[in-house]
Amino acid sequence: MRLEGLRVDKGYEERFAEAILTFRHQWVYCPTAKELVNLTPVPVDVDMAALRRLIGDGHPPDIAHGIAVAQLDPVTCQPFSQVRDPRMTPLPTVGSEPPLASF
């Protein structure tokens, strides 16, 4: 990635290549496998230790699934608080009749 007359910082090309690896092979949740997978297959010539340094190790399947279905906080990996804002209308339960509006 060289352009005539263009000067870039030392290490730019390496950081650019790392950014491409990060975006191509980031972790995504696969609803079929119910686990994290790479967005695109990682070629055999990619240094896996370097890739893990960029994208991390991911989460175990149970944690990944909990985050994907909004049961776990993605930052803390703990269940979301069950305390709801009292100003919010309670969510209906599955199979319940919608509340009647009072006029």
Foldseek 3Di string as FASTA:
>chain_A
DDDPPDDDDPCPVVVVVLVVLCVQFAWDADPVVQATGGNDDDDPPDDVVSSCVSRNDGDPSVLSNCVVVQQADPVPSHGDDPDDDVVDDDDDDPPDDDDDDDD
